[in-house]
Amino acid sequence: MPDRRYRLLLIATHAVQYASPLYRDMTKHPRLEIQVAYCSLEGAEGSIDKDFGREVQWDVPLLDGYSWTQVKNRAWRPGLGRFFGLVNTGLWSMIRKAKYDAVVLYTGYRYASFWIALAAAKFSRVPVIFGTDATSIQVRGGSRWKLWIKPFILSRIFRRADAAFAGSVAGKQFLTTLGVKEDRIGVVPLVVDNDWWLGRAAEVDRASVRAKWKIPQDAPVVLFCAKLQPWKRPADLLKAFARANVTGSYLVYAGDGPMAKSLEQESDALGVGDRVHFLGFQNQSQLPSVYRAGDLFVLPSDYDPCPAVVCEAMLCGLPVVLSDEIRGRREQVVEGETGYIYPCGDIDVLADTIRKMLSDPRKLASMGAAARRMMDSVSPQTNIRDFIQLLDATVGAQRLQSESRA
């Protein structure tokens, strides 16, 4: 359907640094006309991030280059993380009055606004598309009883969608287990702004960054970049780094969170405190320098469906070591070429992997170059291509059937 153009309403909980560049690229595409409806402007405006424990406002433009509107939030206590924290009643009239070809919900079912938008779309007979980065029924902390009831609830929610897209092959497999028909599921990889990252990475003076960190220019550096939360398992990396015991190596943590103090104390207890650096929170514009000054990126999470930081690291030329619980990024890891995957929680295997990689600088550099090349196939352009393919196969096919019957 090369001539079909789709008019879409994209509903998002808040402004996200990864999504805004994609909206700009979608706006330029001849087959898409998008309107973004924000339920809040957290991210674009300063707000307290409970995980970072501080006010966060991303220092890159999040609201430029595409059409957007903020829908008034009528919640009694507005905010993310609570079902009634987003009650954007204006979505009802917005969907009922406009003639969209589809409504795309980036707003999860854990918010009242999701159900308002879903009801409005169903009443208006407008196709609804759900997006998810989930790869399993796994829960992040909380009561284990959720594992029993969650499949029952999710299967009924996702089957209400006319189409759904997952961020990875593992995500598509997960959706099929919920009963979503395979021909209604697309794989639309979660991406970052490749051009921005490549451009900024090329400008980095690696030597000056390392000098600022007081790390020798030829020292191998392992990097962790994420919130210092239990499910990210930053302590696993610290223990593995100490066990690897690679002469002259350093470990750098970029990020903040409730585990920061305990990690610093543990690094001293393990006898590696002088080779472990804690940078604290790094805003978006600072991150290319952080990645480029490292040699190896490690993410040991036990819950991390499809983390964007993996894309960022690889675009900056770093091979990656990921736990096998990070299912949404497995396609990007070619064993021994762009990185390695190890059993989550197995500190000995992680230590051996770090030791092997840091002990061969030439191989490490070769893997970093391969990681950079891998990202040519995971870009905003491939994301939009795959998204339009899903639209053609679902929304477009339905429209053709309606036209043929008319």
Protein backbone atom coordinates (compact mmCIF):
# COMPACT_ATOMS: atom_id res chain seq x y z
CA MET A 1 0.00 0.00 0.00
CA PRO A 2 2.63 2.54 -1.08
CA ASP A 3 0.17 5.44 -1.37
CA ARG A 4 -1.61 5.01 1.93
CA ARG A 5 -1.06 7.75 4.47
CA TYR A 6 -1.93 7.23 8.10
CA ARG A 7 -3.21 9.91 10.44
CA LEU A 8 -2.26 8.83 13.95
CA LEU A 9 -2.78 9.99 17.51
CA LEU A 10 0.13 8.93 19.72
CA ILE A 11 -0.71 9.07 23.43
CA ALA A 12 2.28 9.20 25.80
CA THR A 13 2.47 9.44 29.58
CA HIS A 14 5.27 12.01 29.50
CA ALA A 15 8.11 13.42 27.41
CA VAL A 16 10.94 10.91 26.94
CA GLN A 17 14.39 11.70 25.57
CA TYR A 18 14.35 8.55 23.42
CA ALA A 19 10.92 9.10 21.89
CA SER A 20 11.10 12.75 20.82
CA PRO A 21 13.70 12.25 18.04
CA LEU A 22 11.58 9.41 16.69
CA TYR A 23 8.50 11.66 16.62
CA ARG A 24 10.50 14.18 14.61
CA ASP A 25 11.48 11.51 12.06
CA MET A 26 7.91 10.23 11.87
CA THR A 27 6.73 13.78 11.14
CA LYS A 28 9.02 13.92 8.10
CA HIS A 29 7.83 10.60 6.68
CA PRO A 30 5.47 11.00 3.68
CA ARG A 31 3.18 8.22 4.85
CA LEU A 32 2.62 9.43 8.40
CA GLU A 33 0.77 12.35 9.96
CA ILE A 34 1.14 12.27 13.71
CA GLN A 35 -0.24 14.17 16.67
CA VAL A 36 1.35 13.46 20.06
CA ALA A 37 -0.89 13.84 23.11
CA TYR A 38 1.07 14.13 26.36
CA CYS A 39 -0.64 13.20 29.61
CA SER A 40 2.07 15.16 31.45
CA LEU A 41 5.23 17.05 30.56
CA GLU A 42 7.51 15.38 33.09
CA GLY A 43 10.93 15.08 31.52
CA ALA A 44 10.55 18.24 29.47
CA GLU A 45 9.85 20.11 32.69
CA GLY A 46 11.80 19.61 35.87
CA SER A 47 10.34 17.04 38.27
CA ILE A 48 11.52 14.81 41.08
CA ASP A 49 12.68 11.40 39.89
CA LYS A 50 12.20 9.12 42.89
CA ASP A 51 14.77 6.62 41.55
CA PHE A 52 17.49 9.23 41.07
CA GLY A 53 16.38 10.96 44.26
CA ARG A 54 16.66 14.38 42.67
CA GLU A 55 14.98 16.75 40.25
CA VAL A 56 15.54 15.75 36.65
CA GLN A 57 15.01 17.78 33.50
CA TRP A 58 16.62 16.41 30.35
CA ASP A 59 18.96 18.90 28.70
CA VAL A 60 18.07 18.04 25.10
CA PRO A 61 15.03 19.42 23.20
CA LEU A 62 12.04 17.13 23.73
CA LEU A 63 9.17 19.18 22.31
CA ASP A 64 10.61 20.53 19.06
CA GLY A 65 9.99 19.38 15.50
CA TYR A 66 6.62 17.63 15.74
CA SER A 67 2.98 18.40 16.54
CA TRP A 68 2.04 17.85 20.17
CA THR A 69 -0.47 18.91 22.76
CA GLN A 70 -0.71 18.54 26.52
CA VAL A 71 -4.03 17.10 27.64
CA LYS A 72 -5.14 18.52 30.98
CA ASN A 73 -4.58 16.07 33.81
CA ARG A 74 -7.52 16.16 36.22
CA ALA A 75 -5.97 13.80 38.76
CA TRP A 76 -6.45 14.70 42.42
CA ARG A 77 -2.75 13.93 42.97
CA PRO A 78 -1.04 14.21 39.57
CA GLY A 79 2.07 12.17 38.93
CA LEU A 80 3.56 9.08 37.37
CA GLY A 81 3.55 5.74 39.15
CA ARG A 82 -0.09 5.77 40.36
CA PHE A 83 -3.20 4.56 38.51
CA PHE A 84 -5.09 7.77 39.27
CA GLY A 85 -1.99 9.91 38.82
CA LEU A 86 -2.97 10.40 35.17
CA VAL A 87 -6.65 11.13 34.58
CA ASN A 88 -6.68 12.94 31.23
CA THR A 89 -10.40 13.10 30.53
CA GLY A 90 -9.85 15.32 27.48
CA LEU A 91 -8.62 12.28 25.57
CA TRP A 92 -12.25 11.19 25.24
CA SER A 93 -13.36 14.19 23.18
CA MET A 94 -10.04 14.34 21.36
CA ILE A 95 -10.52 10.83 19.98
CA ARG A 96 -14.28 11.02 19.49
CA LYS A 97 -14.21 14.26 17.49
CA ALA A 98 -11.13 13.74 15.29
CA LYS A 99 -10.92 11.24 12.45
CA TYR A 100 -7.75 9.34 13.19
CA ASP A 101 -6.80 6.20 11.31
CA ALA A 102 -5.49 4.73 14.57
CA VAL A 103 -4.74 5.58 18.18
CA VAL A 104 -1.34 4.40 19.42
CA LEU A 105 -1.13 3.92 23.17
CA TYR A 106 2.28 4.39 24.74
CA THR A 107 0.32 4.98 27.95
CA GLY A 108 0.26 1.76 29.94
CA TYR A 109 -2.79 0.06 31.41
CA ARG A 110 -1.61 1.05 34.89
CA TYR A 111 -3.03 4.55 34.30
CA ALA A 112 -6.65 5.66 34.18
CA SER A 113 -5.91 7.65 31.02
CA PHE A 114 -5.20 4.42 29.14
CA TRP A 115 -8.72 3.20 29.79
CA ILE A 116 -10.25 6.57 28.87
CA ALA A 117 -8.45 6.51 25.51
CA LEU A 118 -9.26 2.84 24.89
CA ALA A 119 -12.97 3.36 25.59
CA ALA A 120 -13.12 6.42 23.35
CA ALA A 121 -11.42 4.58 20.48
CA LYS A 122 -13.71 1.56 20.80
CA PHE A 123 -16.83 3.75 20.86
CA SER A 124 -15.55 5.60 17.79
CA ARG A 125 -14.50 2.40 16.02
CA VAL A 126 -10.97 3.70 15.65
CA PRO A 127 -8.28 0.99 15.57
CA VAL A 128 -6.13 0.85 18.68
CA ILE A 129 -2.45 -0.12 18.71
CA PHE A 130 -0.60 -1.04 21.88
CA GLY A 131 3.16 -0.85 22.22
CA THR A 132 5.26 -2.68 24.80
CA ASP A 133 8.89 -3.40 25.55
CA ALA A 134 8.00 -6.29 27.87
CA THR A 135 9.57 -9.68 27.14
CA SER A 136 8.12 -11.84 29.91
CA ILE A 137 5.57 -11.97 32.69
CA GLN A 138 8.36 -11.17 35.15
CA VAL A 139 7.62 -8.56 37.81
CA ARG A 140 10.09 -6.05 39.21
CA GLY A 141 10.00 -6.71 42.91
CA GLY A 142 6.67 -6.72 44.71
CA SER A 143 4.52 -9.71 45.65
CA ARG A 144 5.06 -12.94 43.76
CA TRP A 145 1.32 -13.53 43.57
CA LYS A 146 1.33 -11.07 40.69
CA LEU A 147 2.99 -13.73 38.57
CA TRP A 148 -0.20 -15.81 38.86
CA ILE A 149 -2.74 -13.12 38.08
CA LYS A 150 -0.75 -11.00 35.62
CA PRO A 151 -1.07 -13.36 32.60
CA PHE A 152 -4.85 -13.49 33.08
CA ILE A 153 -5.13 -9.70 33.14
CA LEU A 154 -2.64 -8.94 30.36
CA SER A 155 -4.11 -11.45 27.93
CA ARG A 156 -7.48 -9.74 28.19
CA ILE A 157 -5.98 -6.28 27.84
CA PHE A 158 -3.78 -6.97 24.82
CA ARG A 159 -6.47 -8.86 22.98
CA ARG A 160 -8.45 -5.62 22.92
CA ALA A 161 -5.86 -4.14 20.57
CA ASP A 162 -6.34 -4.16 16.82
CA ALA A 163 -2.56 -4.42 16.54
CA ALA A 164 0.39 -4.50 18.89
CA PHE A 165 4.10 -3.99 18.53
CA ALA A 166 6.95 -5.31 20.62
CA GLY A 167 10.43 -3.89 20.97
CA SER A 168 12.12 -7.21 20.20
CA VAL A 169 11.63 -10.75 18.96
CA ALA A 170 11.38 -11.89 22.58
CA GLY A 171 8.63 -9.32 23.06
CA LYS A 172 6.66 -10.69 20.13
CA GLN A 173 6.97 -14.21 21.51
CA PHE A 174 5.70 -12.91 24.85
CA LEU A 175 2.65 -11.31 23.23
CA THR A 176 1.76 -14.55 21.47
CA THR A 177 1.70 -16.31 24.86
CA LEU A 178 -0.95 -13.78 25.91
CA GLY A 179 -3.16 -14.86 23.05
CA VAL A 180 -2.50 -12.00 20.64
CA LYS A 181 -2.64 -13.31 17.10
CA GLU A 182 0.75 -13.41 15.46
CA ASP A 183 -0.41 -11.59 12.33
CA ARG A 184 -1.41 -8.62 14.50
CA ILE A 185 2.01 -8.28 16.16
CA GLY A 186 4.90 -6.33 14.73
CA VAL A 187 8.50 -6.16 15.92
CA VAL A 188 9.38 -2.48 16.09
CA PRO A 189 12.75 -2.22 17.89
CA LEU A 190 13.11 0.40 20.59
CA VAL A 191 15.77 2.77 19.27
CA VAL A 192 17.66 5.97 20.04
CA ASP A 193 18.67 8.87 17.78
CA ASN A 194 21.60 7.23 15.98
CA ASP A 195 22.70 10.38 14.15
CA TRP A 196 22.79 12.41 17.35
CA TRP A 197 24.82 9.79 19.19
CA LEU A 198 27.28 9.24 16.36
CA GLY A 199 27.78 12.97 15.91
CA ARG A 200 28.31 13.65 19.60
CA ALA A 201 30.56 10.61 20.03
CA ALA A 202 32.82 11.83 17.21
CA GLU A 203 33.31 15.15 19.03
CA VAL A 204 34.47 13.61 22.32
CA ASP A 205 38.04 14.18 23.47
CA ARG A 206 38.59 10.84 25.17
CA ALA A 207 41.94 11.87 26.61
CA SER A 208 40.55 14.94 28.36
CA VAL A 209 37.62 12.99 29.82
CA ARG A 210 39.98 10.39 31.25
CA ALA A 211 42.26 13.08 32.59
CA LYS A 212 39.28 14.60 34.39
CA TRP A 213 38.51 11.19 35.88
CA LYS A 214 42.20 10.75 36.81
CA ILE A 215 42.35 7.49 34.88
CA PRO A 216 45.45 6.63 32.77
CA GLN A 217 44.96 6.83 29.00
CA ASP A 218 45.86 3.20 28.39
CA ALA A 219 43.90 1.73 31.32
CA PRO A 220 41.01 -0.63 30.44
CA VAL A 221 37.74 0.84 31.71
CA VAL A 222 34.51 -1.04 32.44
CA LEU A 223 31.38 1.11 32.41
CA PHE A 224 28.00 0.80 34.11
CA CYS A 225 25.40 3.40 33.08
CA ALA A 226 21.99 3.13 34.75
CA LYS A 227 20.14 3.93 37.94
CA LEU A 228 21.76 2.37 40.98
CA GLN A 229 18.76 0.21 41.82
CA PRO A 230 18.66 -3.37 43.15
CA TRP A 231 17.17 -4.86 39.95
CA LYS A 232 20.02 -3.42 37.90
CA ARG A 233 22.37 -5.51 40.10
CA PRO A 234 25.27 -3.01 40.13
CA ALA A 235 26.80 -4.89 43.08
CA ASP A 236 27.20 -7.98 40.86
CA LEU A 237 29.43 -5.99 38.55
CA LEU A 238 31.46 -4.60 41.45
CA LYS A 239 32.12 -8.10 42.81
CA ALA A 240 32.93 -9.47 39.36
CA PHE A 241 35.31 -6.58 38.67
CA ALA A 242 37.15 -7.28 41.93
CA ARG A 243 37.35 -11.02 41.16
CA ALA A 244 38.55 -10.42 37.61
CA ASN A 245 41.48 -8.52 39.10
CA VAL A 246 42.80 -7.17 35.80
CA THR A 247 45.92 -5.14 36.49
CA GLY A 248 45.43 -1.42 35.95
CA SER A 249 41.72 -1.70 35.13
CA TYR A 250 39.02 0.71 36.34
CA LEU A 251 35.27 0.52 36.90
CA VAL A 252 33.09 3.60 36.34
CA TYR A 253 29.50 3.97 37.52
CA ALA A 254 27.45 6.64 35.72
CA GLY A 255 24.15 7.11 37.49
CA ASP A 256 22.63 7.69 40.89
CA GLY A 257 20.16 5.94 43.13
CA PRO A 258 19.62 4.38 46.56
CA MET A 259 22.55 1.95 46.26
CA ALA A 260 25.21 4.61 45.64
CA LYS A 261 26.51 4.80 49.21
CA SER A 262 26.53 1.04 49.81
CA LEU A 263 28.42 0.46 46.55
CA GLU A 264 31.10 2.95 47.54
CA GLN A 265 31.48 1.23 50.92
CA GLU A 266 31.63 -2.20 49.30
CA SER A 267 34.26 -1.10 46.79
CA ASP A 268 36.50 -0.12 49.71
CA ALA A 269 35.76 -3.39 51.50
CA LEU A 270 36.74 -5.35 48.38
CA GLY A 271 40.01 -3.45 48.13
CA VAL A 272 39.26 -1.79 44.78
CA GLY A 273 37.97 1.57 45.98
CA ASP A 274 40.86 3.43 44.36
CA ARG A 275 39.92 1.96 40.95
CA VAL A 276 36.15 2.50 41.14
CA HIS A 277 34.71 5.89 40.19
CA PHE A 278 31.16 7.13 40.86
CA LEU A 279 30.15 9.94 38.51
CA GLY A 280 26.62 10.42 39.84
CA PHE A 281 23.70 11.46 37.63
CA GLN A 282 24.70 12.31 34.06
CA ASN A 283 22.31 14.26 31.86
CA GLN A 284 21.75 13.31 28.24
CA SER A 285 24.29 15.68 26.71
CA GLN A 286 27.02 14.36 29.05
CA LEU A 287 26.59 10.69 28.21
CA PRO A 288 28.48 10.48 24.88
CA SER A 289 31.65 11.54 26.69
CA VAL A 290 31.04 8.95 29.38
CA TYR A 291 30.63 6.11 26.90
CA ARG A 292 33.54 7.13 24.68
CA ALA A 293 35.90 7.21 27.65
CA GLY A 294 35.09 3.57 28.44
CA ASP A 295 36.14 0.30 26.78
CA LEU A 296 33.45 -2.18 27.83
CA PHE A 297 29.82 -1.75 28.84
CA VAL A 298 28.24 -4.15 31.34
CA LEU A 299 24.59 -4.37 32.41
CA PRO A 300 23.87 -7.17 34.92
CA SER A 301 20.11 -6.49 35.44
CA ASP A 302 17.64 -9.15 36.53
CA TYR A 303 14.76 -6.99 35.22
CA ASP A 304 15.42 -4.82 32.17
CA PRO A 305 13.27 -5.77 29.17
CA CYS A 306 14.75 -3.56 26.43
CA PRO A 307 17.16 -0.94 27.81
CA ALA A 308 18.07 1.94 25.52
CA VAL A 309 21.48 2.32 27.17
CA VAL A 310 22.64 -0.75 25.23
CA CYS A 311 22.04 1.12 21.96
CA GLU A 312 23.82 4.19 23.29
CA ALA A 313 26.89 2.22 24.34
CA MET A 314 27.14 0.34 21.04
CA LEU A 315 26.75 3.53 18.99
CA CYS A 316 29.69 4.93 20.95
CA GLY A 317 31.80 1.91 20.01
CA LEU A 318 31.58 -0.23 23.12
CA PRO A 319 31.10 -4.01 23.12
CA VAL A 320 28.52 -5.09 25.68
CA VAL A 321 28.16 -7.79 28.31
CA LEU A 322 24.52 -8.37 29.29
CA SER A 323 22.76 -10.71 31.65
CA ASP A 324 20.46 -13.25 30.01
CA GLU A 325 17.46 -11.54 31.65
CA ILE A 326 17.87 -8.63 29.21
CA ARG A 327 15.91 -10.50 26.57
CA GLY A 328 15.00 -7.49 24.46
CA ARG A 329 18.58 -6.83 23.32
CA ARG A 330 19.70 -10.35 22.44
CA GLU A 331 19.49 -9.68 18.70
CA GLN A 332 22.20 -7.06 19.05
CA VAL A 333 24.67 -9.34 20.83
CA VAL A 334 26.59 -11.68 18.54
CA GLU A 335 28.66 -13.82 20.91
CA GLY A 336 32.35 -13.01 20.60
CA GLU A 337 31.72 -10.31 17.98
CA THR A 338 29.70 -7.51 19.57
CA GLY A 339 29.63 -8.82 23.13
CA TYR A 340 28.60 -11.64 25.42
CA ILE A 341 25.54 -12.80 27.34
CA TYR A 342 26.04 -14.48 30.71
CA PRO A 343 23.68 -16.13 33.26
CA CYS A 344 22.18 -13.44 35.47
CA GLY A 345 23.64 -13.53 38.98
CA ASP A 346 26.61 -15.74 38.08
CA ILE A 347 29.41 -13.50 39.29
CA ASP A 348 32.15 -15.99 38.47
CA VAL A 349 31.13 -16.18 34.81
CA LEU A 350 30.84 -12.40 34.65
CA ALA A 351 34.31 -12.04 36.20
CA ASP A 352 35.80 -14.51 33.70
CA THR A 353 34.16 -12.64 30.81
CA ILE A 354 35.50 -9.29 31.99
CA ARG A 355 38.97 -10.74 32.49
CA LYS A 356 38.99 -12.32 29.03
CA MET A 357 37.83 -9.15 27.29
CA LEU A 358 40.08 -6.68 29.11
CA SER A 359 43.13 -8.90 28.64
CA ASP A 360 42.99 -8.57 24.85
CA PRO A 361 42.86 -4.84 23.94
CA ARG A 362 43.03 -5.51 20.19
CA LYS A 363 40.07 -7.91 20.31
CA LEU A 364 38.19 -5.50 22.56
CA ALA A 365 38.62 -2.68 20.04
CA SER A 366 37.54 -4.95 17.18
CA MET A 367 34.39 -5.91 19.06
CA GLY A 368 33.65 -2.25 19.74
CA ALA A 369 33.83 -1.48 16.01
CA ALA A 370 31.51 -4.43 15.30
CA ALA A 371 29.07 -3.18 17.93
CA ARG A 372 28.99 0.20 16.20
CA ARG A 373 28.26 -1.45 12.82
CA MET A 374 25.48 -3.56 14.34
CA MET A 375 23.58 -0.38 15.14
CA ASP A 376 23.06 0.36 11.43
CA SER A 377 20.23 -2.17 11.60
CA VAL A 378 18.70 -0.70 14.77
CA SER A 379 17.84 2.90 13.94
CA PRO A 380 14.91 5.32 13.77
CA GLN A 381 14.66 4.54 10.05
CA THR A 382 14.27 0.80 10.65
CA ASN A 383 11.82 1.52 13.48
CA ILE A 384 9.56 3.61 11.24
CA ARG A 385 9.83 1.11 8.39
CA ASP A 386 8.74 -1.75 10.64
CA PHE A 387 5.96 0.34 12.18
CA ILE A 388 4.51 1.19 8.77
CA GLN A 389 4.66 -2.48 7.80
CA LEU A 390 2.52 -3.24 10.85
CA LEU A 391 0.08 -0.47 9.92
CA ASP A 392 -0.24 -1.83 6.39
CA ALA A 393 -0.82 -5.38 7.60
CA THR A 394 -3.48 -4.41 10.15
CA VAL A 395 -5.05 -0.94 9.93
CA GLY A 396 -4.48 -0.64 6.18
CA ALA A 397 -5.78 -4.14 5.47
CA GLN A 398 -8.91 -3.46 7.51
CA ARG A 399 -9.50 -0.24 5.63
CA LEU A 400 -9.15 -1.99 2.28
CA GLN A 401 -11.71 -4.57 3.31
CA SER A 402 -14.14 -1.84 4.36
CA GLU A 403 -13.65 -0.01 1.08
CA SER A 404 -14.19 -3.17 -0.96
CA ARG A 405 -17.49 -3.84 0.84
CA ALA A 406 -18.72 -0.27 0.38
